[in-house]
Each structure stands twice: as C-alpha cells, then as structure tokens.
Protein backbone atom coordinates (compact mmCIF):
# COMPACT_ATOMS: atom_id res chain seq x y z
CA MET A 1 11.26 12.22 6.08
CA HIS A 2 13.62 11.77 3.14
CA VAL A 3 15.99 14.37 4.63
CA LEU A 4 16.43 12.66 7.99
CA PRO A 5 18.57 9.73 6.79
CA CYS A 6 21.07 12.24 5.42
CA LEU A 7 21.50 14.03 8.71
CA PRO A 8 24.02 11.61 10.32
CA ALA A 9 26.23 11.75 7.23
CA LEU A 10 25.91 15.53 7.19
CA ARG A 11 26.94 15.72 10.83
CA ALA A 12 29.94 13.53 10.08
CA SER A 13 30.94 15.78 7.19
CA VAL A 14 30.67 18.86 9.40
CA LEU A 15 32.72 17.15 12.11
CA LEU A 16 35.34 16.32 9.50
CA ALA A 17 35.44 19.85 8.06
CA LEU A 18 35.47 21.93 11.25
CA PRO A 19 39.07 21.16 12.35
CA LYS A 20 40.25 21.97 8.83
CA LEU A 21 38.41 25.30 8.87
CA VAL A 22 39.91 26.17 12.25
CA GLN A 23 43.40 25.30 11.04
CA ALA A 24 42.83 27.30 7.85
CA CYS A 25 42.03 30.34 10.00
CA LEU A 26 45.19 29.72 12.02
CA ALA A 27 47.18 29.54 8.78
CA VAL A 28 45.78 32.90 7.71
CA LEU A 29 46.72 34.36 11.09
CA ALA A 30 50.26 33.05 10.69
CA ASP A 31 50.61 34.82 7.34
CA LEU A 32 49.10 37.99 8.80
CA TYR A 33 51.42 38.05 11.82
CA THR A 34 54.42 37.39 9.60
CA TRP A 35 53.55 40.47 7.58
CA MET A 36 52.81 42.53 10.71
CA LEU A 37 56.16 41.67 12.28
CA ALA A 38 57.92 42.46 9.00
CA GLU A 39 56.25 45.88 8.98
CA LYS A 40 57.41 46.50 12.54
CA VAL A 41 60.96 45.58 11.62
CA TYR A 42 61.28 47.13 8.14
CA GLY A 43 58.72 49.90 8.35
CA ARG A 44 55.06 50.18 7.44
CA GLY A 45 54.48 49.83 3.70
CA SER A 46 58.15 49.15 2.95
CA ARG A 47 59.21 46.93 0.05
CA SER A 48 60.81 44.47 2.44
CA ALA A 49 57.58 44.12 4.44
CA TRP A 50 55.55 43.45 1.29
CA SER A 51 58.24 41.06 0.10
CA ALA A 52 57.92 39.11 3.35
CA LEU A 53 54.21 38.70 2.66
CA CYS A 54 54.95 37.70 -0.95
CA VAL A 55 57.49 35.09 0.12
CA THR A 56 55.02 33.74 2.69
CA VAL A 57 52.11 33.46 0.28
CA LEU A 58 54.19 31.85 -2.48
CA ASN A 59 56.00 29.34 -0.26
CA PRO A 60 54.93 25.80 -1.30
CA TRP A 61 55.69 24.43 2.17
CA GLN A 62 53.20 26.88 3.66
CA TRP A 63 50.58 25.74 1.19
CA TYR A 64 51.27 22.13 2.06
CA CYS A 65 51.52 22.28 5.84
CA SER A 66 50.09 25.49 7.31
CA SER A 67 46.47 24.40 6.82
CA ARG A 68 47.06 20.84 8.04
CA THR A 69 46.08 19.94 11.57
CA PHE A 70 49.58 19.28 12.91
CA SER A 71 50.56 20.42 16.37
CA ASN A 72 53.60 22.00 14.71
CA SER A 73 51.32 24.11 12.50
CA LEU A 74 49.61 25.49 15.58
CA GLU A 75 52.99 25.97 17.22
CA MET A 76 54.15 27.96 14.20
CA THR A 77 51.15 30.28 14.41
CA LEU A 78 51.53 30.76 18.16
CA THR A 79 55.24 31.48 17.78
CA ILE A 80 54.99 34.15 15.09
CA ALA A 81 52.03 35.76 16.88
CA ALA A 82 54.01 35.88 20.13
CA LEU A 83 57.05 37.30 18.33
CA ASN A 84 54.84 39.98 16.79
CA TYR A 85 53.53 41.09 20.19
CA TRP A 86 56.94 40.93 21.87
CA PRO A 87 58.19 44.43 22.89
CA TRP A 88 61.23 44.58 20.62
CA GLU A 89 62.09 48.05 21.89
CA LEU A 90 63.63 46.22 24.85
CA LEU A 91 66.44 45.24 22.49
CA GLY A 92 66.95 48.77 21.23
CA ASP A 93 69.11 51.61 22.46
CA ALA A 94 68.09 53.32 25.69
CA SER A 95 68.31 56.66 23.91
CA GLU A 96 65.70 55.53 21.35
CA THR A 97 63.13 53.93 23.63
CA HIS A 98 62.11 57.05 25.52
CA GLY A 99 61.37 55.24 28.72
CA GLY A 100 60.41 51.91 27.21
CA SER A 101 59.30 50.27 30.44
CA PRO A 102 56.75 47.49 29.96
CA ALA A 103 54.79 49.11 32.79
CA ARG A 104 53.09 51.33 30.22
CA ARG A 105 49.58 50.08 29.65
CA GLU A 106 49.70 49.40 25.91
CA ARG A 107 53.15 47.83 26.06
CA LEU A 108 52.16 45.80 29.08
CA ALA A 109 49.13 44.39 27.26
CA SER A 110 51.28 43.49 24.26
CA LEU A 111 53.87 41.86 26.50
CA ARG A 112 51.22 39.79 28.26
CA VAL A 113 49.77 38.54 25.01
CA SER A 114 53.25 37.60 23.82
CA LEU A 115 54.16 35.76 27.01
CA PHE A 116 50.84 33.91 27.15
CA LEU A 117 51.10 32.74 23.54
CA ALA A 118 54.72 31.76 24.08
CA ALA A 119 53.73 29.75 27.16
CA ILE A 120 51.08 27.87 25.19
CA ALA A 121 53.59 27.18 22.41
CA VAL A 122 56.13 25.80 24.89
CA LEU A 123 53.50 23.64 26.59
CA LEU A 124 52.41 22.36 23.19
CA ARG A 125 55.96 21.62 22.01
CA PRO A 126 58.62 21.99 24.75
CA THR A 127 61.37 22.51 22.14
CA ASN A 128 59.83 25.92 21.47
CA VAL A 129 61.64 27.07 24.60
CA PHE A 130 64.86 27.31 22.57
CA ILE A 131 63.38 30.18 20.56
CA TRP A 132 62.33 32.12 23.62
CA GLY A 133 65.45 31.26 25.56
CA THR A 134 67.47 32.88 22.78
CA VAL A 135 65.29 36.02 22.74
CA VAL A 136 65.53 36.44 26.52
CA MET A 137 69.25 35.69 26.67
CA VAL A 138 70.10 38.18 23.92
CA ALA A 139 67.84 40.83 25.48
CA PHE A 140 69.59 40.60 28.85
CA THR A 141 73.19 39.88 27.78
CA ARG A 142 73.15 42.25 24.77
CA LEU A 143 75.56 39.96 22.92
CA THR A 144 76.69 41.79 19.74
CA LEU A 145 73.78 44.25 20.00
CA ARG A 146 74.06 47.97 19.35
CA GLY A 147 73.48 50.65 21.96
CA LYS A 148 72.83 50.70 25.67
CA SER A 149 70.22 48.39 27.15
CA PRO A 150 66.92 50.03 28.17
CA ILE A 151 66.27 47.19 30.63
CA THR A 152 66.65 48.60 34.11
CA LEU A 153 66.15 46.69 37.35
CA ARG A 154 62.55 47.86 37.45
CA VAL A 155 61.94 46.66 33.90
CA ALA A 156 63.61 43.32 34.62
CA LEU A 157 61.42 42.76 37.69
CA ALA A 158 58.33 43.67 35.69
CA LEU A 159 59.32 41.20 32.98
CA PHE A 160 59.85 38.46 35.55
CA ARG A 161 56.51 39.21 37.18
CA GLU A 162 54.63 39.09 33.90
CA ALA A 163 56.44 35.93 32.81
CA VAL A 164 55.35 34.18 36.01
CA LEU A 165 51.76 35.42 35.76
CA CYS A 166 51.30 34.69 32.06
CA GLY A 167 53.13 31.39 32.29
CA SER A 168 50.92 30.36 35.21
CA ALA A 169 47.81 31.34 33.25
CA GLY A 170 48.93 29.24 30.31
CA LEU A 171 49.79 26.33 32.59
CA ALA A 172 46.39 26.54 34.30
CA LEU A 173 44.58 26.57 30.97
CA SER A 174 46.59 23.58 29.79
CA ALA A 175 45.99 21.65 33.01
CA VAL A 176 42.23 22.25 32.99
CA SER A 177 41.84 21.37 29.31
CA ASP A 178 43.87 18.17 29.77
CA ARG A 179 41.79 17.30 32.84
CA LEU A 180 38.58 17.70 30.86
CA TYR A 181 39.92 15.66 27.94
CA PHE A 182 41.73 12.81 29.71
CA GLY A 183 39.47 12.64 32.75
CA GLU A 184 42.40 12.90 35.14
CA TRP A 185 45.10 15.35 36.09
CA THR A 186 48.07 14.95 33.80
CA PHE A 187 50.94 17.02 32.42
CA PRO A 188 51.73 16.11 28.78
CA PRO A 189 55.04 18.06 28.63
CA TYR A 190 56.37 15.86 31.43
CA HIS A 191 55.38 12.71 29.54
CA TRP A 192 56.96 14.19 26.41
CA LEU A 193 60.25 14.80 28.22
CA HIS A 194 60.12 11.40 29.92
CA PHE A 195 59.49 9.65 26.60
CA ASN A 196 62.15 11.52 24.63
CA LEU A 197 64.87 12.09 27.23
CA THR A 198 64.56 9.61 30.07
CA GLN A 199 63.50 6.62 27.98
CA ASP A 200 65.19 7.81 24.78
CA LEU A 201 62.41 6.35 22.64
CA ALA A 202 62.28 9.00 19.93
CA VAL A 203 65.05 7.20 18.02
CA PHE A 204 62.66 4.28 17.65
CA TYR A 205 61.00 6.32 14.90
CA GLY A 206 64.20 7.03 13.03
CA GLU A 207 67.61 8.67 13.29
CA MET A 208 69.05 11.33 11.02
CA ALA A 209 72.55 12.68 10.46
CA TRP A 210 73.59 15.70 12.49
CA HIS A 211 73.45 17.94 9.41
CA TYR A 212 69.89 16.94 8.45
CA TYR A 213 68.35 20.32 9.27
CA LEU A 214 71.16 22.15 7.50
CA SER A 215 71.26 19.99 4.39
CA GLN A 216 67.57 19.12 4.06
CA GLY A 217 65.36 20.74 6.69
CA VAL A 218 65.87 24.41 5.87
CA THR A 219 65.83 23.58 2.15
CA GLN A 220 62.41 21.94 2.41
CA LEU A 221 61.03 24.81 4.47
CA THR A 222 62.16 27.61 2.17
CA MET A 223 62.37 25.71 -1.15
CA THR A 224 62.94 28.21 -3.99
CA PHE A 225 63.52 31.04 -1.50
CA LEU A 226 66.50 29.26 0.08
CA PRO A 227 69.18 31.60 -1.40
CA PHE A 228 67.40 34.68 -0.08
CA ALA A 229 66.92 33.08 3.34
CA LEU A 230 70.61 32.15 3.59
CA VAL A 231 71.71 35.63 2.53
CA GLY A 232 69.40 37.23 5.07
CA LEU A 233 70.45 34.87 7.83
CA TYR A 234 74.14 35.60 7.25
CA ARG A 235 73.62 39.31 6.75
CA PHE A 236 71.68 39.93 9.95
CA ALA A 237 73.63 37.49 12.13
CA VAL A 238 77.11 38.65 11.16
CA SER A 239 77.13 42.09 9.57
CA SER A 240 75.50 45.33 10.69
CA THR A 241 72.37 46.71 9.07
CA SER A 242 73.05 50.06 7.45
CA GLY A 243 70.38 52.74 7.70
CA ALA A 244 68.44 50.91 10.41
CA THR A 245 67.78 52.02 13.95
CA ALA A 246 69.29 50.10 16.84
CA THR A 247 65.92 48.51 17.55
CA GLN A 248 65.52 47.31 13.96
CA SER A 249 69.09 46.07 13.68
CA ASN A 250 69.02 44.30 17.05
CA THR A 251 65.62 42.74 16.35
CA LEU A 252 66.79 41.25 13.06
CA ARG A 253 69.97 39.98 14.66
CA THR A 254 68.01 38.36 17.48
CA LEU A 255 65.64 36.71 15.00
CA ALA A 256 68.65 35.33 13.13
CA TYR A 257 70.06 34.02 16.40
CA THR A 258 66.80 32.20 17.20
CA VAL A 259 67.09 30.29 13.92
CA ILE A 260 70.76 29.44 14.43
CA SER A 261 70.48 28.41 18.09
CA THR A 262 67.33 26.33 17.64
CA ILE A 263 68.74 24.42 14.68
CA ALA A 264 72.05 23.93 16.51
CA VAL A 265 70.36 22.44 19.58
CA LEU A 266 67.91 20.26 17.67
CA SER A 267 70.74 18.96 15.47
CA VAL A 268 72.19 17.24 18.53
CA VAL A 269 69.02 15.16 18.91
CA SER A 270 69.12 11.92 16.90
CA HIS A 271 65.47 11.90 15.83
CA LYS A 272 64.84 14.74 13.41
CA GLU A 273 61.86 15.82 11.33
CA VAL A 274 61.37 18.93 9.24
CA ARG A 275 58.20 19.79 11.13
CA PHE A 276 60.24 20.24 14.31
CA ILE A 277 61.79 23.41 12.86
CA TYR A 278 58.58 24.56 11.17
CA PRO A 279 58.07 27.39 13.75
CA LEU A 280 61.25 28.98 12.35
CA LEU A 281 59.80 29.41 8.85
CA PRO A 282 58.09 32.80 9.40
CA THR A 283 61.35 34.15 10.82
CA LEU A 284 63.30 32.82 7.83
CA GLN A 285 60.81 34.47 5.48
CA ILE A 286 61.18 37.81 7.25
CA LEU A 287 64.97 37.54 7.06
CA ALA A 288 64.77 36.62 3.36
CA ALA A 289 62.55 39.59 2.46
CA PRO A 290 65.19 42.37 2.01
CA SER A 291 67.42 40.36 -0.33
CA PHE A 292 64.35 39.18 -2.26
CA ALA A 293 63.13 42.79 -2.61
CA SER A 294 66.50 44.18 -3.65
CA PHE A 295 67.13 41.41 -6.19
CA PHE A 296 63.84 41.80 -8.05
CA SER A 297 63.36 45.56 -7.80
CA ALA A 298 65.24 48.40 -9.45
CA ALA A 299 66.62 51.61 -8.04
CA PRO A 300 64.31 54.65 -8.04
CA GLY A 301 63.94 56.06 -11.55
CA HIS A 302 65.04 52.83 -13.23
CA GLN A 303 63.12 49.95 -14.75
CA PRO A 304 63.74 46.39 -13.53
CA SER A 305 65.82 44.37 -15.98
CA GLN A 306 63.91 42.06 -18.30
CA GLY A 307 66.02 39.13 -17.19
CA ARG A 308 65.11 39.48 -13.53
CA THR A 309 61.49 40.18 -14.37
CA ALA A 310 61.39 36.94 -16.34
CA LEU A 311 63.16 35.17 -13.48
CA LEU A 312 60.55 36.46 -11.03
CA ALA A 313 57.73 35.27 -13.28
CA GLY A 314 59.41 31.87 -13.54
CA LEU A 315 59.89 31.73 -9.77
CA ILE A 316 56.22 32.48 -9.17
CA PHE A 317 55.18 29.88 -11.75
CA VAL A 318 57.42 27.17 -10.28
CA ASN A 319 56.19 27.88 -6.77
CA LEU A 320 52.56 27.72 -7.84
CA VAL A 321 53.13 24.43 -9.66
CA ILE A 322 54.88 22.87 -6.65
CA ALA A 323 52.30 24.24 -4.22
CA THR A 324 49.40 22.98 -6.34
CA TYR A 325 50.90 19.51 -6.66
CA LEU A 326 51.71 19.22 -2.95
CA SER A 327 48.32 20.54 -1.87
CA LEU A 328 46.09 18.55 -4.23
CA PHE A 329 47.91 15.47 -5.51
CA HIS A 330 50.88 14.46 -3.36
CA VAL A 331 49.99 11.52 -1.07
CA ALA A 332 46.29 12.20 -1.62
CA ALA A 333 45.26 8.54 -1.84
CA PRO A 334 45.14 7.86 1.94
CA ILE A 335 42.62 10.66 2.45
CA SER A 336 40.52 9.49 -0.50
CA ALA A 337 40.63 5.91 0.80
CA VAL A 338 39.21 6.75 4.22
CA HIS A 339 36.56 8.92 2.54
CA PHE A 340 35.58 5.85 0.51
CA LEU A 341 35.42 3.67 3.63
CA ARG A 342 33.31 6.19 5.52
CA HIS A 343 30.82 6.45 2.65
CA GLU A 344 30.71 2.67 2.34
CA TYR A 345 29.92 2.41 6.05
CA GLU A 346 27.11 4.90 5.59
CA ARG A 347 25.75 2.77 2.76
CA VAL A 348 26.06 -0.60 4.48
CA HIS A 349 25.06 0.44 8.01
CA PRO A 350 22.71 3.43 7.69
CA ASP A 351 21.22 2.77 11.14
CA ARG A 352 24.57 2.79 12.96
CA LEU A 353 25.69 6.32 12.18
CA GLY A 354 25.31 7.83 15.64
CA LEU A 355 28.26 9.81 16.94
CA HIS A 356 27.62 8.96 20.61
CA PRO A 357 27.17 5.19 21.02
CA GLU A 358 26.07 3.68 24.29
CA GLN A 359 28.80 1.07 24.21
CA PRO A 360 32.46 2.11 24.03
CA ILE A 361 34.43 1.03 21.01
CA LEU A 362 37.85 -0.53 20.87
CA SER A 363 40.62 2.04 21.08
CA HIS A 364 42.21 2.88 17.77
CA TYR A 365 45.49 1.28 16.78
CA HIS A 366 45.00 -1.40 19.40
CA SER A 367 47.40 -4.30 19.22
CA LEU A 368 46.19 -6.99 16.84
CA ALA A 369 47.65 -9.68 19.02
CA GLN A 370 45.72 -8.55 22.09
CA SER A 371 42.37 -7.71 20.47
CA PRO A 372 39.60 -10.21 21.14
CA ALA A 373 37.85 -11.43 18.01
CA PRO A 374 34.08 -10.87 18.03
CA HIS A 375 31.78 -13.45 16.48
CA LEU A 376 31.88 -13.10 12.71
CA GLY A 377 28.22 -13.94 12.35
CA ASN A 378 27.17 -10.75 14.14
CA GLU A 379 27.37 -8.06 11.49
CA THR A 380 26.98 -5.29 14.06
CA ASP A 381 30.37 -6.31 15.46
CA GLU A 382 32.12 -6.76 12.14
CA LEU A 383 35.66 -5.56 11.61
CA PHE A 384 34.90 -3.09 8.86
CA ALA A 385 38.44 -2.26 7.73
CA LEU A 386 41.95 -3.61 8.22
CA PHE A 387 44.85 -1.34 7.29
CA LEU A 388 47.95 -3.26 6.21
CA THR A 389 49.93 -0.09 5.63
CA PRO A 390 52.98 1.43 7.31
CA CYS A 391 52.08 2.97 10.63
CA HIS A 392 50.26 6.32 10.40
CA ALA A 393 50.17 6.14 6.60
CA THR A 394 46.47 7.05 6.56
CA PRO A 395 44.17 9.26 8.61
CA TRP A 396 42.26 7.54 11.37
CA ARG A 397 39.41 8.76 13.54
CA SER A 398 39.60 12.25 12.08
CA HIS A 399 37.90 10.75 9.02
CA LEU A 400 36.46 7.45 10.27
CA VAL A 401 34.28 9.44 12.64
CA TYR A 402 31.59 6.87 13.45
CA PRO A 403 32.35 5.20 16.81
CA SER A 404 30.61 2.00 15.71
CA LEU A 405 32.93 1.67 12.70
CA ARG A 406 35.46 -0.86 13.90
CA ALA A 407 38.83 -0.76 12.20
CA ARG A 408 42.34 -2.00 12.89
CA ALA A 409 45.76 -0.99 11.69
CA LEU A 410 49.29 -2.24 12.11
CA THR A 411 50.75 -0.69 15.23
CA CYS A 412 54.11 0.93 15.80
CA GLU A 413 54.01 1.07 19.57
CA PRO A 414 57.40 1.90 21.12
CA PRO A 415 59.08 -0.61 23.49
CA LEU A 416 58.09 1.14 26.72
CA HIS A 417 58.95 -1.97 28.72
CA THR A 418 62.63 -1.98 27.70
CA ALA A 419 65.61 -0.07 29.03
CA PRO A 420 67.71 2.23 26.83
CA GLY A 421 70.55 0.32 25.18
CA SER A 422 69.24 -3.08 26.26
CA VAL A 423 69.25 -6.18 24.07
CA GLU A 424 65.47 -6.33 24.31
CA ARG A 425 65.13 -2.85 22.84
CA GLU A 426 67.59 -3.51 20.04
CA SER A 427 65.75 -6.67 19.01
CA TYR A 428 62.24 -5.26 19.43
CA MET A 429 60.06 -5.17 16.32
CA ASP A 430 56.60 -3.62 16.24
CA GLU A 431 53.77 -5.00 14.12
CA THR A 432 54.57 -2.82 11.15
CA LYS A 433 58.18 -3.99 11.08
CA ARG A 434 57.17 -7.62 11.55
CA PHE A 435 54.70 -7.46 8.67
CA PHE A 436 57.10 -5.69 6.29
CA HIS A 437 60.12 -7.74 7.38
CA GLY A 438 62.03 -8.78 4.28
CA PHE A 439 60.31 -6.18 2.10
CA GLY A 440 62.32 -5.57 -1.04
CA SER A 441 64.61 -8.56 -0.48
CA SER A 442 62.18 -11.48 -0.52
CA ASN A 443 59.04 -12.38 -2.43
CA GLN A 444 57.65 -14.11 0.65
CA TRP A 445 57.58 -11.07 2.92
CA GLY A 446 54.41 -10.67 4.95
CA ALA A 447 53.40 -14.34 4.61
CA ASP A 448 54.64 -15.38 8.06
CA PHE A 449 52.92 -12.46 9.76
CA LEU A 450 49.60 -13.18 8.06
CA ALA A 451 49.78 -16.90 8.81
CA GLU A 452 51.11 -16.73 12.36
CA GLU A 453 49.82 -13.48 13.83
CA MET A 454 46.92 -12.18 11.80
CA TRP A 455 45.08 -15.41 11.06
CA PRO A 456 46.88 -18.22 12.93
CA LEU A 457 45.85 -21.87 12.80
CA VAL A 458 43.59 -22.79 15.72
CA ARG A 459 42.68 -26.38 16.65
CA GLY A 460 39.13 -26.93 17.79
CA GLU A 461 38.31 -28.45 21.16
CA ASP A 462 35.84 -30.93 19.67
CA GLN A 463 38.19 -32.00 16.87
CA PRO A 464 41.80 -31.56 18.06
CA GLY A 465 43.15 -32.93 14.82
CA VAL A 466 41.39 -30.35 12.69
CA ALA A 467 42.82 -26.85 12.48
CA SER A 468 41.23 -23.78 10.99
CA ARG A 469 42.26 -20.18 10.63
CA GLY A 470 41.38 -18.01 13.59
CA GLY A 471 41.29 -14.27 13.86
CA GLU A 472 38.93 -11.72 12.44
CA VAL A 473 38.26 -11.35 8.75
CA PRO A 474 37.45 -7.74 7.85
CA ARG A 475 35.02 -6.51 5.25
CA TYR A 476 37.72 -4.38 3.61
CA ILE A 477 41.51 -4.54 3.54
CA VAL A 478 43.51 -1.40 2.77
CA GLY A 479 47.07 -1.57 1.49
CA PHE A 480 49.56 -0.23 -0.99
CA GLU A 481 50.31 -1.87 -4.31
CA SER A 482 53.05 -4.12 -2.95
CA VAL A 483 50.69 -5.80 -0.46
CA GLU A 484 48.45 -7.36 -3.10
CA VAL A 485 50.85 -10.20 -3.93
CA ALA A 486 51.21 -11.20 -0.27
CA LEU A 487 47.45 -11.08 0.33
CA THR A 488 46.56 -13.02 -2.80
CA GLY A 489 49.16 -15.69 -2.09
CA PHE A 490 47.95 -16.15 1.47
CA PHE A 491 44.20 -16.28 0.84
CA ASP A 492 44.53 -18.58 -2.17
CA GLY A 493 45.91 -21.28 0.10
CA ALA A 494 44.18 -20.45 3.37
CA ASP A 495 40.72 -21.90 2.63
CA MET A 496 39.00 -19.06 4.51
CA GLY A 497 36.32 -18.28 1.96
CA VAL A 498 38.00 -14.98 1.13
CA LYS A 499 37.83 -13.84 -2.47
CA LEU A 500 39.65 -10.55 -2.79
CA LYS A 501 38.11 -8.01 -5.11
CA ARG A 502 39.64 -4.60 -5.58
CA VAL A 503 36.85 -2.06 -5.16
CA TRP A 504 38.85 1.15 -4.96
CA ARG A 505 42.22 2.33 -6.19
CA GLY A 506 43.92 5.70 -5.83
CA TRP A 507 47.04 7.33 -7.21
CA ASN A 508 49.44 8.35 -4.46
CA GLY A 509 51.62 10.94 -6.16
CA LEU A 510 54.82 11.06 -8.17
CA PHE A 511 57.19 10.03 -5.37
CA SER A 512 57.29 8.77 -1.80
CA ASP A 513 59.78 8.98 1.05
CA ASP A 514 59.04 5.34 1.93
CA GLU A 515 59.37 2.55 -0.63
CA ARG A 516 56.64 0.62 1.18
CA LYS A 517 54.20 3.38 0.16
CA GLU A 518 55.11 3.42 -3.51
CA GLY A 519 52.49 2.73 -6.15
CA TYR A 520 48.76 3.06 -5.82
CA LEU A 521 46.73 2.59 -2.66
CA ALA A 522 43.90 0.07 -2.89
CA VAL A 523 40.89 -1.20 -0.97
CA TRP A 524 39.94 -4.86 -1.37
CA ASP A 525 36.59 -6.41 -0.48
CA THR A 526 37.11 -9.79 1.17
CA GLY A 527 33.69 -11.05 0.05
CA VAL A 528 32.78 -12.59 3.42
CA TYR A 529 30.08 -10.05 4.25
CA SER A 530 26.86 -9.15 2.53
CA ASP A 531 26.62 -5.69 1.04
CA GLU A 532 23.00 -5.42 2.08
CA PRO A 533 22.29 -2.99 4.94
CA GLU A 534 21.68 -4.76 8.21
CA VAL A 535 18.15 -4.77 9.56
CA SER A 536 17.79 -3.49 13.08
CA VAL A 537 15.21 -5.50 15.02
CA LYS A 538 13.42 -3.53 17.70
C-alpha cells in the first residue's frame, strides 16, 4: 500500500527519461556512423579513421547537443547514417568499380537504406535536401571529379526507380504517423515551406548577417577542431588527394561540396541558427581527421615531438572542460526549475497525478489574453505556475508531464494574420516583447503589461465604482533575476493579497546569449494557496 502512491511519480519519471534515452542511442549511432564512413573513405583501421572518431568523441558541441531531443539532432543522425550507406563507388572511376551497378543485391539494399533515411531527413527538415541535391548533382555531372563515370543509363534508371520507391515509402510513413498524431491528414513540410517562404515569418525570430555561418556557425560546431576542419575542407575541395583511389578522392571532394553548398544556400536566408547546419558536423569531422592525424602523429620510426604531445594533452583537457561545463552547468537552471515544479505538484496534489485525464487541459503556451480565468476558490482548477521568462526559455510539457498541472507562459506567436512587409507586421509585438518592452533602458519595464494585460482592473457589476484586479493568480511564478523588481513593485501596490516568497533559486551558468536571461532563475510562491494537499471528496 505504501508503494502505490509512488507509482504515478515513477511513471512520470519514466516518461521524462525515455525520450532522453532514445536520443542518447541516436547520438551513439551518429558517432558510430561517422566512424564507419571515415573507415570507408580512409581505409579500415587507418589513423585518419580513428582520428575521425577521436574528433567526434571529444567535440564539446556533440556532448552538448547530440543527446538533446532536437529535431536537428535526429536529422544529423539520419544524415550521417544515410551518407554511410550511400554507394560511393558511383562517384569513382568506371575502371575501379568492376560493374558497380546498384542492381547487385547487397549494393541495392545499401542504396535503399540510404535513400529511405535521406527521405526521412528531408521530410523532417526540408533544408536537408541541399545536402542530397549536391551529392546527386556531383554524381551525375562529375564536376571536378577524377575518372570516367560508372553511371550508365541502366544505373541511372535504377537510381531513379529506387529514389521514387524509397521516397514514397518515407512519405507514406510520415503521412500515417502525422495522421495518427494530429488526427487529420496533414503535410508538415508544406506548412514549413508556407511559413518560412510564402509568409516569410522566420525573420520574426531574428535575423543574422550573411556571414553568420562562416564567422560563428562553423566555429561553434567544430570549436577547438576548427583549424583542422578548415584545412580539410580546403584540401579536399580544391586540391587533389595524393595516394587515394578515384572513389576515395571523389567521395571526399563531394563531402566538402555538401558543406560548402549547404552553407552558401542557407547564408542567403535571413533567419539563421547554428542548429540548422548541425547535420554538416559529422562531415566536417571526417574532413578534419587527416590533418588532425598528421599534426599529432610522427612518421614511422620516429617519436612524436614533446611539444605536440603536450599540445594534444592540452587540447583534450580543454575539450573535456568545455564539454563538461556545457553538458552539466550551462543553462541548467530551467531544467532544474521545472523539476522543482513537478515535484511540488506531486506533493500538493498527490491525487491528481494521472497521465490520462478525462477532461482536456488548456493547450500549452495559450495566449494569456484569450485564456478564461477559472474560479480561484477551486483548487483543482488552480493555475499552478506562471512563467514570466523569454519565450521557450524553459522546458514545457516534456517535464511538466501531468495533464492536470495547469501552467501558462508568455507567448511568442508569429503574426500569421499579417502580410509580409505590411505596417501591421512591422508594429506587431508578441507577449514576450510587450512584457520585456523597455528592458535595460527603464526601471519601469514590465509594469504596464502586468497592470493592463496580466491582472487588469475590473469594475464589478454590483459596485461599478469599485475596481479590483482581475485575472488569474498562480501558485508559483517563474522568472529570471531581473523580473523580481517588477513583480515586487507591482504586487506591493496591487492589494491582491500576494506576498511573494522565493522558494527556489538556481544558477544559470557563466554567460547567456540573451541579457533577459542573465542572473539566477527563481521560483516565487505567491502565498494565495494553501500548501496542504487537496482532499478529494467521493
């Protein structure tokens, strides 16, 4: 009997951990396929192949992002797996392939796996098509490649047939899974293209200079291995590879072209993020491997110099320090905060921990202005947490797994109702921007939003001359350090019975890319609810 109350919390913990375990397995597969492709290109057991694995394992960005449940992390794994299964002999010399038609059973199976994984990657992130468009274009045009093409008319027709079949299989799988999830037939890539191209709404989330990927993106991806990646990229894209077969040389050149072409195309788009070029990282690591191996190893019969040995030890140490900090400490407070809230909900409402409620809950990140306010006296309908943080600064339902746990956050919904270039779009401000308007330039920022939108004055019908604050008062308010002054100033003069008490505080790392997220992250108890667990009356 004493074990049963723990079961809902245990189920929630399992539900929280499973996606992370799945993504961890995908991260391992990405490292494995990077090494496997390096062995195909450089030779089994070669120093360059082992160096590719070393660079992959020591890369701090991989530590930080590969195990996180981003769609780009999955895209990266799918891309390197598909590249590994791709029949690279199609880029070799006809005299070396010995009849390299994909009609052969083992090569056909490998080709199908590659095309299917590539199709899923493109459906997941349509920009992935730039990688595969480059591979296909180079394979058929033979631009700057060595030797005579082994692709005959028969091979080309077989490739087209398999591309159609595997692409259709991937499309069918995507359509069925989306139908099961959304409850209706839909095509997310179309909505993605409509949102980003037709409506041009991606810029709503930020614009970067054209050189962002060149000056910052590749640097963040490769970090301390940047010099080796640049040397490898230049070497294989421009100069010939001595001692390599035509297949090896052409494969490396094509991989270099995929990096160059993808970055060139994505640099034209105004909205840029490092994660958009994350699928290129395994390729960059493979290209960096030979220069890394040659720099830190000595010729046969010679000992490596003490200076370079010390440099290698320092490089490993620096990478481990950066990787440890990024993985364990950087921006860790948001995750710890939602863990605290989930455990508090388990303590306060132990009888409302079911994962399949009979009544639907409010959709997450619903507009504060449009949300109806339930009666505050009914604790079962309480607003448990209010997040006054920049949009998407904390996890959401991945950690707040209980459907009955009602929470709100500032929204950053794009202006779907406006036309590109219109005055309405230029003047549009989402809730996050309205709340943080004047941040850093005024001590009164946030006050107008709290007083006019969050808890506006409402005049009663019985006493028109008497006004009181409307809106929903949450049990907990979550915000960064800078929010405390605005909250304290508002509630001190609002006469709402709110007495803020900080009940949790977490360090958020050494630096932040957003000044609104600087300092610690805190959770305040408003004091308007009892901490005693509610009693369910049957």
